[in-house]
Amino acid sequence: VDYDELEDAKWFNLNDLPDLPYSASVARKLIES
């Protein structure tokens, strides 16, 4: 992880996801796909 750019990054299993971006965002739609 480049901590100048990110606070954290990690691999998440489908059954153990963290809080996700807002439902209207393309980020959320990408994850939901």
PDB file of all heavy atoms in Angstrom:
ATOM      1  N   VAL A   1       0.832  -1.208   0.000  1.00  0.00           N
ATOM      2  CA  VAL A   1       0.000   0.000   0.000  1.00  0.00           C
ATOM      3  C   VAL A   1       0.865   1.256   0.000  1.00  0.00           C
ATOM      4  O   VAL A   1       1.790   1.389   0.806  1.00  0.00           O
ATOM      5  CB  VAL A   1      -0.932   0.008   1.232  1.00  0.00           C
ATOM      6  CG1 VAL A   1      -1.781   1.267   1.265  1.00  0.00           C
ATOM      7  CG2 VAL A   1      -1.814  -1.233   1.249  1.00  0.00           C
ATOM      8  N   ASP A   2       0.552   2.189  -0.898  1.00  0.00           N
ATOM      9  CA  ASP A   2       1.186   3.507  -0.908  1.00  0.00           C
ATOM     10  C   ASP A   2       0.411   4.380   0.075  1.00  0.00           C
ATOM     11  O   ASP A   2      -0.656   4.895  -0.244  1.00  0.00           O
ATOM     12  CB  ASP A   2       1.144   4.106  -2.314  1.00  0.00           C
ATOM     13  CG  ASP A   2       1.753   5.499  -2.381  1.00  0.00           C
ATOM     14  OD1 ASP A   2       2.044   6.098  -1.320  1.00  0.00           O
ATOM     15  OD2 ASP A   2       1.922   6.010  -3.504  1.00  0.00           O
ATOM     16  N   TYR A   3       0.956   4.541   1.275  1.00  0.00           N
ATOM     17  CA  TYR A   3       0.244   5.268   2.323  1.00  0.00           C
ATOM     18  C   TYR A   3       0.221   6.775   2.102  1.00  0.00           C
ATOM     19  O   TYR A   3      -0.467   7.487   2.831  1.00  0.00           O
ATOM     20  CB  TYR A   3       0.821   4.910   3.695  1.00  0.00           C
ATOM     21  CG  TYR A   3       0.502   3.481   4.078  1.00  0.00           C
ATOM     22  CD1 TYR A   3       1.470   2.490   4.020  1.00  0.00           C
ATOM     23  CD2 TYR A   3      -0.795   3.126   4.453  1.00  0.00           C
ATOM     24  CE1 TYR A   3       1.169   1.181   4.347  1.00  0.00           C
ATOM     25  CE2 TYR A   3      -1.110   1.815   4.774  1.00  0.00           C
ATOM     26  CZ  TYR A   3      -0.124   0.853   4.724  1.00  0.00           C
ATOM     27  OH  TYR A   3      -0.441  -0.446   5.036  1.00  0.00           O
ATOM     28  N   ASP A   4       0.936   7.270   1.098  1.00  0.00           N
ATOM     29  CA  ASP A   4       0.788   8.681   0.714  1.00  0.00           C
ATOM     30  C   ASP A   4      -0.529   8.876  -0.041  1.00  0.00           C
ATOM     31  O   ASP A   4      -1.105   9.958  -0.038  1.00  0.00           O
ATOM     32  CB  ASP A   4       1.952   9.142  -0.164  1.00  0.00           C
ATOM     33  CG  ASP A   4       3.245   9.250   0.613  1.00  0.00           C
ATOM     34  OD1 ASP A   4       3.199   9.459   1.852  1.00  0.00           O
ATOM     35  OD2 ASP A   4       4.314   9.120  -0.010  1.00  0.00           O
ATOM     36  N   GLU A   5      -0.985   7.815  -0.715  1.00  0.00           N
ATOM     37  CA  GLU A   5      -2.213   7.873  -1.519  1.00  0.00           C
ATOM     38  C   GLU A   5      -3.422   7.286  -0.796  1.00  0.00           C
ATOM     39  O   GLU A   5      -4.533   7.755  -0.972  1.00  0.00           O
ATOM     40  CB  GLU A   5      -2.010   7.106  -2.830  1.00  0.00           C
ATOM     41  CG  GLU A   5      -1.002   7.721  -3.768  1.00  0.00           C
ATOM     42  CD  GLU A   5      -1.556   8.924  -4.499  1.00  0.00           C
ATOM     43  OE1 GLU A   5      -2.773   8.976  -4.739  1.00  0.00           O
ATOM     44  OE2 GLU A   5      -0.764   9.824  -4.814  1.00  0.00           O
ATOM     45  N   LEU A   6      -3.202   6.228  -0.037  1.00  0.00           N
ATOM     46  CA  LEU A   6      -4.290   5.489   0.597  1.00  0.00           C
ATOM     47  C   LEU A   6      -4.076   5.378   2.102  1.00  0.00           C
ATOM     48  O   LEU A   6      -2.948   5.372   2.578  1.00  0.00           O
ATOM     49  CB  LEU A   6      -4.378   4.071   0.024  1.00  0.00           C
ATOM     50  CG  LEU A   6      -4.592   3.926  -1.473  1.00  0.00           C
ATOM     51  CD1 LEU A   6      -4.451   2.467  -1.870  1.00  0.00           C
ATOM     52  CD2 LEU A   6      -5.950   4.471  -1.870  1.00  0.00           C
ATOM     53  N   GLU A   7      -5.165   5.251   2.818  1.00  0.00           N
ATOM     54  CA  GLU A   7      -5.081   4.971   4.245  1.00  0.00           C
ATOM     55  C   GLU A   7      -4.904   3.464   4.481  1.00  0.00           C
ATOM     56  O   GLU A   7      -4.238   3.045   5.409  1.00  0.00           O
ATOM     57  CB  GLU A   7      -6.346   5.468   4.939  1.00  0.00           C
ATOM     58  CG  GLU A   7      -6.296   5.379   6.438  1.00  0.00           C
ATOM     59  CD  GLU A   7      -7.503   6.026   7.064  1.00  0.00           C
ATOM     60  OE1 GLU A   7      -7.520   7.269   7.165  1.00  0.00           O
ATOM     61  OE2 GLU A   7      -8.433   5.284   7.447  1.00  0.00           O
ATOM     62  N   ASP A   8      -5.524   2.655   3.584  1.00  0.00           N
ATOM     63  CA  ASP A   8      -5.456   1.207   3.731  1.00  0.00           C
ATOM     64  C   ASP A   8      -5.933   0.561   2.435  1.00  0.00           C
ATOM     65  O   ASP A   8      -6.648   1.171   1.646  1.00  0.00           O
ATOM     66  CB  ASP A   8      -6.358   0.759   4.894  1.00  0.00           C
ATOM     67  CG  ASP A   8      -6.167  -0.691   5.280  1.00  0.00           C
ATOM     68  OD1 ASP A   8      -5.067  -1.234   5.070  1.00  0.00           O
ATOM     69  OD2 ASP A   8      -7.125  -1.296   5.792  1.00  0.00           O
ATOM     70  N   ALA A   9      -5.549  -0.688   2.238  1.00  0.00           N
ATOM     71  CA  ALA A   9      -6.068  -1.514   1.140  1.00  0.00           C
ATOM     72  C   ALA A   9      -5.911  -2.955   1.566  1.00  0.00           C
ATOM     73  O   ALA A   9      -4.905  -3.313   2.195  1.00  0.00           O
ATOM     74  CB  ALA A   9      -5.319  -1.252  -0.160  1.00  0.00           C
ATOM     75  N   LYS A  10      -6.908  -3.776   1.264  1.00  0.00           N
ATOM     76  CA  LYS A  10      -6.815  -5.198   1.607  1.00  0.00           C
ATOM     77  C   LYS A  10      -7.780  -6.006   0.773  1.00  0.00           C
ATOM     78  O   LYS A  10      -8.726  -5.465   0.198  1.00  0.00           O
ATOM     79  CB  LYS A  10      -7.008  -5.439   3.096  1.00  0.00           C
ATOM     80  CG  LYS A  10      -8.293  -4.919   3.673  1.00  0.00           C
ATOM     81  CD  LYS A  10      -8.420  -5.222   5.163  1.00  0.00           C
ATOM     82  CE  LYS A  10      -8.053  -4.048   5.996  1.00  0.00           C
ATOM     83  NZ  LYS A  10      -8.426  -4.107   7.376  1.00  0.00           N
ATOM     84  N   TRP A  11      -7.519  -7.293   0.730  1.00  0.00           N
ATOM     85  CA  TRP A  11      -8.390  -8.226   0.034  1.00  0.00           C
ATOM     86  C   TRP A  11      -9.573  -8.551   0.931  1.00  0.00           C
ATOM     87  O   TRP A  11      -9.401  -8.806   2.121  1.00  0.00           O
ATOM     88  CB  TRP A  11      -7.637  -9.511  -0.309  1.00  0.00           C
ATOM     89  CG  TRP A  11      -6.562  -9.313  -1.325  1.00  0.00           C
ATOM     90  CD1 TRP A  11      -5.227  -9.226  -1.091  1.00  0.00           C
ATOM     91  CD2 TRP A  11      -6.742  -9.179  -2.736  1.00  0.00           C
ATOM     92  NE1 TRP A  11      -4.559  -9.043  -2.279  1.00  0.00           N
ATOM     93  CE2 TRP A  11      -5.463  -9.013  -3.313  1.00  0.00           C
ATOM     94  CE3 TRP A  11      -7.854  -9.182  -3.578  1.00  0.00           C
ATOM     95  CZ2 TRP A  11      -5.269  -8.856  -4.674  1.00  0.00           C
ATOM     96  CZ3 TRP A  11      -7.663  -9.034  -4.941  1.00  0.00           C
ATOM     97  CH2 TRP A  11      -6.384  -8.871  -5.474  1.00  0.00           C
ATOM     98  N   PHE A  12     -10.772  -8.542   0.342  1.00  0.00           N
ATOM     99  CA  PHE A  12     -11.994  -8.869   1.075  1.00  0.00           C
ATOM    100  C   PHE A  12     -12.707 -10.017   0.385  1.00  0.00           C
ATOM    101  O   PHE A  12     -12.861 -10.025  -0.833  1.00  0.00           O
ATOM    102  CB  PHE A  12     -12.942  -7.673   1.141  1.00  0.00           C
ATOM    103  CG  PHE A  12     -12.478  -6.584   2.051  1.00  0.00           C
ATOM    104  CD1 PHE A  12     -11.713  -5.534   1.568  1.00  0.00           C
ATOM    105  CD2 PHE A  12     -12.812  -6.601   3.400  1.00  0.00           C
ATOM    106  CE1 PHE A  12     -11.292  -4.516   2.410  1.00  0.00           C
ATOM    107  CE2 PHE A  12     -12.391  -5.589   4.254  1.00  0.00           C
ATOM    108  CZ  PHE A  12     -11.625  -4.542   3.754  1.00  0.00           C
ATOM    109  N   ASN A  13     -13.163 -10.962   1.186  1.00  0.00           N
ATOM    110  CA  ASN A  13     -13.974 -12.064   0.708  1.00  0.00           C
ATOM    111  C   ASN A  13     -15.395 -11.573   0.496  1.00  0.00           C
ATOM    112  O   ASN A  13     -15.869 -10.686   1.209  1.00  0.00           O
ATOM    113  CB  ASN A  13     -13.945 -13.210   1.727  1.00  0.00           C
ATOM    114  CG  ASN A  13     -14.655 -14.440   1.222  1.00  0.00           C
ATOM    115  OD1 ASN A  13     -15.879 -14.504   1.235  1.00  0.00           O
ATOM    116  ND2 ASN A  13     -13.883 -15.413   0.781  1.00  0.00           N
ATOM    117  N   LEU A  14     -16.069 -12.163  -0.443  1.00  0.00           N
ATOM    118  CA  LEU A  14     -17.462 -11.833  -0.756  1.00  0.00           C
ATOM    119  C   LEU A  14     -18.350 -11.844   0.484  1.00  0.00           C
ATOM    120  O   LEU A  14     -19.256 -11.032   0.612  1.00  0.00           O
ATOM    121  CB  LEU A  14     -17.979 -12.850  -1.781  1.00  0.00           C
ATOM    122  CG  LEU A  14     -19.442 -12.803  -2.158  1.00  0.00           C
ATOM    123  CD1 LEU A  14     -19.754 -11.525  -2.898  1.00  0.00           C
ATOM    124  CD2 LEU A  14     -19.791 -13.995  -3.017  1.00  0.00           C
ATOM    125  N   ASN A  15     -18.077 -12.737   1.430  1.00  0.00           N
ATOM    126  CA  ASN A  15     -18.919 -12.869   2.622  1.00  0.00           C
ATOM    127  C   ASN A  15     -18.485 -11.992   3.781  1.00  0.00           C
ATOM    128  O   ASN A  15     -19.068 -12.065   4.859  1.00  0.00           O
ATOM    129  CB  ASN A  15     -18.936 -14.342   3.074  1.00  0.00           C
ATOM    130  CG  ASN A  15     -19.503 -15.232   1.993  1.00  0.00           C
ATOM    131  OD1 ASN A  15     -20.512 -14.920   1.381  1.00  0.00           O
ATOM    132  ND2 ASN A  15     -18.820 -16.339   1.730  1.00  0.00           N
ATOM    133  N   ASP A  16     -17.467 -11.166   3.580  1.00  0.00           N
ATOM    134  CA  ASP A  16     -16.950 -10.341   4.669  1.00  0.00           C
ATOM    135  C   ASP A  16     -16.530  -8.971   4.147  1.00  0.00           C
ATOM    136  O   ASP A  16     -15.375  -8.582   4.264  1.00  0.00           O
ATOM    137  CB  ASP A  16     -15.765 -11.062   5.335  1.00  0.00           C
ATOM    138  CG  ASP A  16     -15.318 -10.367   6.600  1.00  0.00           C
ATOM    139  OD1 ASP A  16     -16.151  -9.711   7.261  1.00  0.00           O
ATOM    140  OD2 ASP A  16     -14.114 -10.464   6.926  1.00  0.00           O
ATOM    141  N   LEU A  17     -17.485  -8.241   3.556  1.00  0.00           N
ATOM    142  CA  LEU A  17     -17.185  -6.938   2.967  1.00  0.00           C
ATOM    143  C   LEU A  17     -17.348  -5.823   3.993  1.00  0.00           C
ATOM    144  O   LEU A  17     -18.210  -5.897   4.867  1.00  0.00           O
ATOM    145  CB  LEU A  17     -18.102  -6.681   1.775  1.00  0.00           C
ATOM    146  CG  LEU A  17     -17.904  -7.620   0.582  1.00  0.00           C
ATOM    147  CD1 LEU A  17     -18.976  -7.374  -0.469  1.00  0.00           C
ATOM    148  CD2 LEU A  17     -16.521  -7.442  -0.021  1.00  0.00           C
ATOM    149  N   PRO A  18     -16.550  -4.767   3.887  1.00  0.00           N
ATOM    150  CA  PRO A  18     -16.672  -3.615   4.780  1.00  0.00           C
ATOM    151  C   PRO A  18     -17.833  -2.720   4.336  1.00  0.00           C
ATOM    152  O   PRO A  18     -18.572  -3.063   3.405  1.00  0.00           O
ATOM    153  CB  PRO A  18     -15.336  -2.906   4.588  1.00  0.00           C
ATOM    154  CG  PRO A  18     -15.018  -3.169   3.146  1.00  0.00           C
ATOM    155  CD  PRO A  18     -15.503  -4.578   2.891  1.00  0.00           C
ATOM    156  N   ASP A  19     -17.972  -1.556   4.965  1.00  0.00           N
ATOM    157  CA  ASP A  19     -18.923  -0.562   4.478  1.00  0.00           C
ATOM    158  C   ASP A  19     -18.506  -0.173   3.066  1.00  0.00           C
ATOM    159  O   ASP A  19     -17.320   0.024   2.789  1.00  0.00           O
ATOM    160  CB  ASP A  19     -18.925   0.682   5.365  1.00  0.00           C
ATOM    161  CG  ASP A  19     -19.575   0.428   6.712  1.00  0.00           C
ATOM    162  OD1 ASP A  19     -20.329  -0.561   6.843  1.00  0.00           O
ATOM    163  OD2 ASP A  19     -19.337   1.229   7.633  1.00  0.00           O
ATOM    164  N   LEU A  20     -19.499  -0.063   2.189  1.00  0.00           N
ATOM    165  CA  LEU A  20     -19.235   0.211   0.776  1.00  0.00           C
ATOM    166  C   LEU A  20     -19.682   1.615   0.397  1.00  0.00           C
ATOM    167  O   LEU A  20     -20.467   2.240   1.115  1.00  0.00           O
ATOM    168  CB  LEU A  20     -19.959  -0.832  -0.085  1.00  0.00           C
ATOM    169  CG  LEU A  20     -19.547  -2.280   0.166  1.00  0.00           C
ATOM    170  CD1 LEU A  20     -20.415  -3.234  -0.640  1.00  0.00           C
ATOM    171  CD2 LEU A  20     -18.072  -2.492  -0.146  1.00  0.00           C
ATOM    172  N   PRO A  21     -19.227   2.120  -0.755  1.00  0.00           N
ATOM    173  CA  PRO A  21     -19.637   3.444  -1.224  1.00  0.00           C
ATOM    174  C   PRO A  21     -21.154   3.545  -1.410  1.00  0.00           C
ATOM    175  O   PRO A  21     -21.861   2.538  -1.445  1.00  0.00           O
ATOM    176  CB  PRO A  21     -18.912   3.588  -2.565  1.00  0.00           C
ATOM    177  CG  PRO A  21     -17.747   2.665  -2.459  1.00  0.00           C
ATOM    178  CD  PRO A  21     -18.231   1.510  -1.635  1.00  0.00           C
ATOM    179  N   TYR A  22     -21.622   4.750  -1.559  1.00  0.00           N
ATOM    180  CA  TYR A  22     -23.048   5.043  -1.703  1.00  0.00           C
ATOM    181  C   TYR A  22     -23.668   4.264  -2.857  1.00  0.00           C
ATOM    182  O   TYR A  22     -23.039   4.068  -3.884  1.00  0.00           O
ATOM    183  CB  TYR A  22     -23.259   6.546  -1.910  1.00  0.00           C
ATOM    184  CG  TYR A  22     -22.629   7.365  -0.822  1.00  0.00           C
ATOM    185  CD1 TYR A  22     -21.445   8.056  -1.054  1.00  0.00           C
ATOM    186  CD2 TYR A  22     -23.192   7.426   0.450  1.00  0.00           C
ATOM    187  CE1 TYR A  22     -20.832   8.803  -0.044  1.00  0.00           C
ATOM    188  CE2 TYR A  22     -22.592   8.165   1.461  1.00  0.00           C
ATOM    189  CZ  TYR A  22     -21.421   8.847   1.208  1.00  0.00           C
ATOM    190  OH  TYR A  22     -20.826   9.569   2.201  1.00  0.00           O
ATOM    191  N   SER A  23     -24.915   3.865  -2.706  1.00  0.00           N
ATOM    192  CA  SER A  23     -25.580   3.008  -3.694  1.00  0.00           C
ATOM    193  C   SER A  23     -25.702   3.663  -5.069  1.00  0.00           C
ATOM    194  O   SER A  23     -25.786   2.969  -6.069  1.00  0.00           O
ATOM    195  CB  SER A  23     -26.953   2.582  -3.182  1.00  0.00           C
ATOM    196  OG  SER A  23     -27.766   3.703  -2.958  1.00  0.00           O
ATOM    197  N   ALA A  24     -25.712   4.984  -5.139  1.00  0.00           N
ATOM    198  CA  ALA A  24     -25.837   5.678  -6.427  1.00  0.00           C
ATOM    199  C   ALA A  24     -24.508   5.772  -7.181  1.00  0.00           C
ATOM    200  O   ALA A  24     -24.483   6.164  -8.345  1.00  0.00           O
ATOM    201  CB  ALA A  24     -26.391   7.083  -6.211  1.00  0.00           C
ATOM    202  N   SER A  25     -23.428   5.385  -6.543  1.00  0.00           N
ATOM    203  CA  SER A  25     -22.110   5.553  -7.162  1.00  0.00           C
ATOM    204  C   SER A  25     -21.749   4.387  -8.073  1.00  0.00           C
ATOM    205  O   SER A  25     -22.171   3.258  -7.858  1.00  0.00           O
ATOM    206  CB  SER A  25     -21.034   5.698  -6.075  1.00  0.00           C
ATOM    207  OG  SER A  25     -20.849   4.470  -5.407  1.00  0.00           O
ATOM    208  N   VAL A  26     -20.935   4.681  -9.072  1.00  0.00           N
ATOM    209  CA  VAL A  26     -20.451   3.633  -9.967  1.00  0.00           C
ATOM    210  C   VAL A  26     -19.558   2.667  -9.185  1.00  0.00           C
ATOM    211  O   VAL A  26     -19.495   1.476  -9.505  1.00  0.00           O
ATOM    212  CB  VAL A  26     -19.744   4.220 -11.213  1.00  0.00           C
ATOM    213  CG1 VAL A  26     -18.424   4.860 -10.864  1.00  0.00           C
ATOM    214  CG2 VAL A  26     -19.558   3.177 -12.291  1.00  0.00           C
ATOM    215  N   ALA A  27     -18.900   3.147  -8.150  1.00  0.00           N
ATOM    216  CA  ALA A  27     -18.069   2.273  -7.315  1.00  0.00           C
ATOM    217  C   ALA A  27     -18.919   1.175  -6.686  1.00  0.00           C
ATOM    218  O   ALA A  27     -18.535   0.004  -6.689  1.00  0.00           O
ATOM    219  CB  ALA A  27     -17.377   3.094  -6.225  1.00  0.00           C
ATOM    220  N   ARG A  28     -20.069   1.543  -6.175  1.00  0.00           N
ATOM    221  CA  ARG A  28     -20.952   0.546  -5.546  1.00  0.00           C
ATOM    222  C   ARG A  28     -21.482  -0.435  -6.590  1.00  0.00           C
ATOM    223  O   ARG A  28     -21.536  -1.639  -6.362  1.00  0.00           O
ATOM    224  CB  ARG A  28     -22.105   1.261  -4.845  1.00  0.00           C
ATOM    225  CG  ARG A  28     -23.112   0.361  -4.177  1.00  0.00           C
ATOM    226  CD  ARG A  28     -22.472  -0.425  -3.005  1.00  0.00           C
ATOM    227  NE  ARG A  28     -23.454  -1.094  -2.212  1.00  0.00           N
ATOM    228  CZ  ARG A  28     -23.971  -0.606  -1.092  1.00  0.00           C
ATOM    229  NH1 ARG A  28     -23.593   0.568  -0.631  1.00  0.00           N
ATOM    230  NH2 ARG A  28     -24.862  -1.285  -0.432  1.00  0.00           N
ATOM    231  N   LYS A  29     -21.864   0.084  -7.757  1.00  0.00           N
ATOM    232  CA  LYS A  29     -22.377  -0.786  -8.823  1.00  0.00           C
ATOM    233  C   LYS A  29     -21.297  -1.772  -9.288  1.00  0.00           C
ATOM    234  O   LYS A  29     -21.585  -2.927  -9.587  1.00  0.00           O
ATOM    235  CB  LYS A  29     -22.900   0.058  -9.970  1.00  0.00           C
ATOM    236  CG  LYS A  29     -24.171   0.809  -9.608  1.00  0.00           C
ATOM    237  CD  LYS A  29     -24.630   1.705 -10.739  1.00  0.00           C
ATOM    238  CE  LYS A  29     -25.956   2.324 -10.454  1.00  0.00           C
ATOM    239  NZ  LYS A  29     -25.960   3.479  -9.625  1.00  0.00           N
ATOM    240  N   LEU A  30     -20.075  -1.314  -9.326  1.00  0.00           N
ATOM    241  CA  LEU A  30     -18.943  -2.159  -9.703  1.00  0.00           C
ATOM    242  C   LEU A  30     -18.777  -3.303  -8.697  1.00  0.00           C
ATOM    243  O   LEU A  30     -18.660  -4.472  -9.079  1.00  0.00           O
ATOM    244  CB  LEU A  30     -17.684  -1.296  -9.761  1.00  0.00           C
ATOM    245  CG  LEU A  30     -16.391  -1.854 -10.282  1.00  0.00           C
ATOM    246  CD1 LEU A  30     -16.535  -2.367 -11.700  1.00  0.00           C
ATOM    247  CD2 LEU A  30     -15.318  -0.779 -10.238  1.00  0.00           C
ATOM    248  N   ILE A  31     -18.818  -2.979  -7.423  1.00  0.00           N
ATOM    249  CA  ILE A  31     -18.692  -3.989  -6.368  1.00  0.00           C
ATOM    250  C   ILE A  31     -19.885  -4.932  -6.383  1.00  0.00           C
ATOM    251  O   ILE A  31     -19.738  -6.154  -6.265  1.00  0.00           O
ATOM    252  CB  ILE A  31     -18.506  -3.314  -4.996  1.00  0.00           C
ATOM    253  CG1 ILE A  31     -17.176  -2.558  -4.975  1.00  0.00           C
ATOM    254  CG2 ILE A  31     -18.589  -4.335  -3.864  1.00  0.00           C
ATOM    255  CD1 ILE A  31     -17.018  -1.578  -3.827  1.00  0.00           C
ATOM    256  N   GLU A  32     -21.088  -4.395  -6.563  1.00  0.00           N
ATOM    257  CA  GLU A  32     -22.281  -5.238  -6.605  1.00  0.00           C
ATOM    258  C   GLU A  32     -22.265  -6.193  -7.801  1.00  0.00           C
ATOM    259  O   GLU A  32     -22.794  -7.294  -7.719  1.00  0.00           O
ATOM    260  CB  GLU A  32     -23.544  -4.379  -6.608  1.00  0.00           C
ATOM    261  CG  GLU A  32     -23.813  -3.764  -5.251  1.00  0.00           C
ATOM    262  CD  GLU A  32     -25.013  -2.819  -5.230  1.00  0.00           C
ATOM    263  OE1 GLU A  32     -25.564  -2.491  -6.309  1.00  0.00           O
ATOM    264  OE2 GLU A  32     -25.380  -2.410  -4.125  1.00  0.00           O
ATOM    265  N   SER A  33     -21.628  -5.798  -8.902  1.00  0.00           N
ATOM    266  CA  SER A  33     -21.532  -6.696 -10.050  1.00  0.00           C
ATOM    267  C   SER A  33     -20.670  -7.898  -9.699  1.00  0.00           C
ATOM    268  O   SER A  33     -20.947  -9.011 -10.149  1.00  0.00           O
ATOM    269  CB  SER A  33     -20.973  -5.960 -11.281  1.00  0.00           C
ATOM    270  OG  SER A  33     -19.573  -5.767 -11.171  1.00  0.00           O
TER     271      SER A  33
END
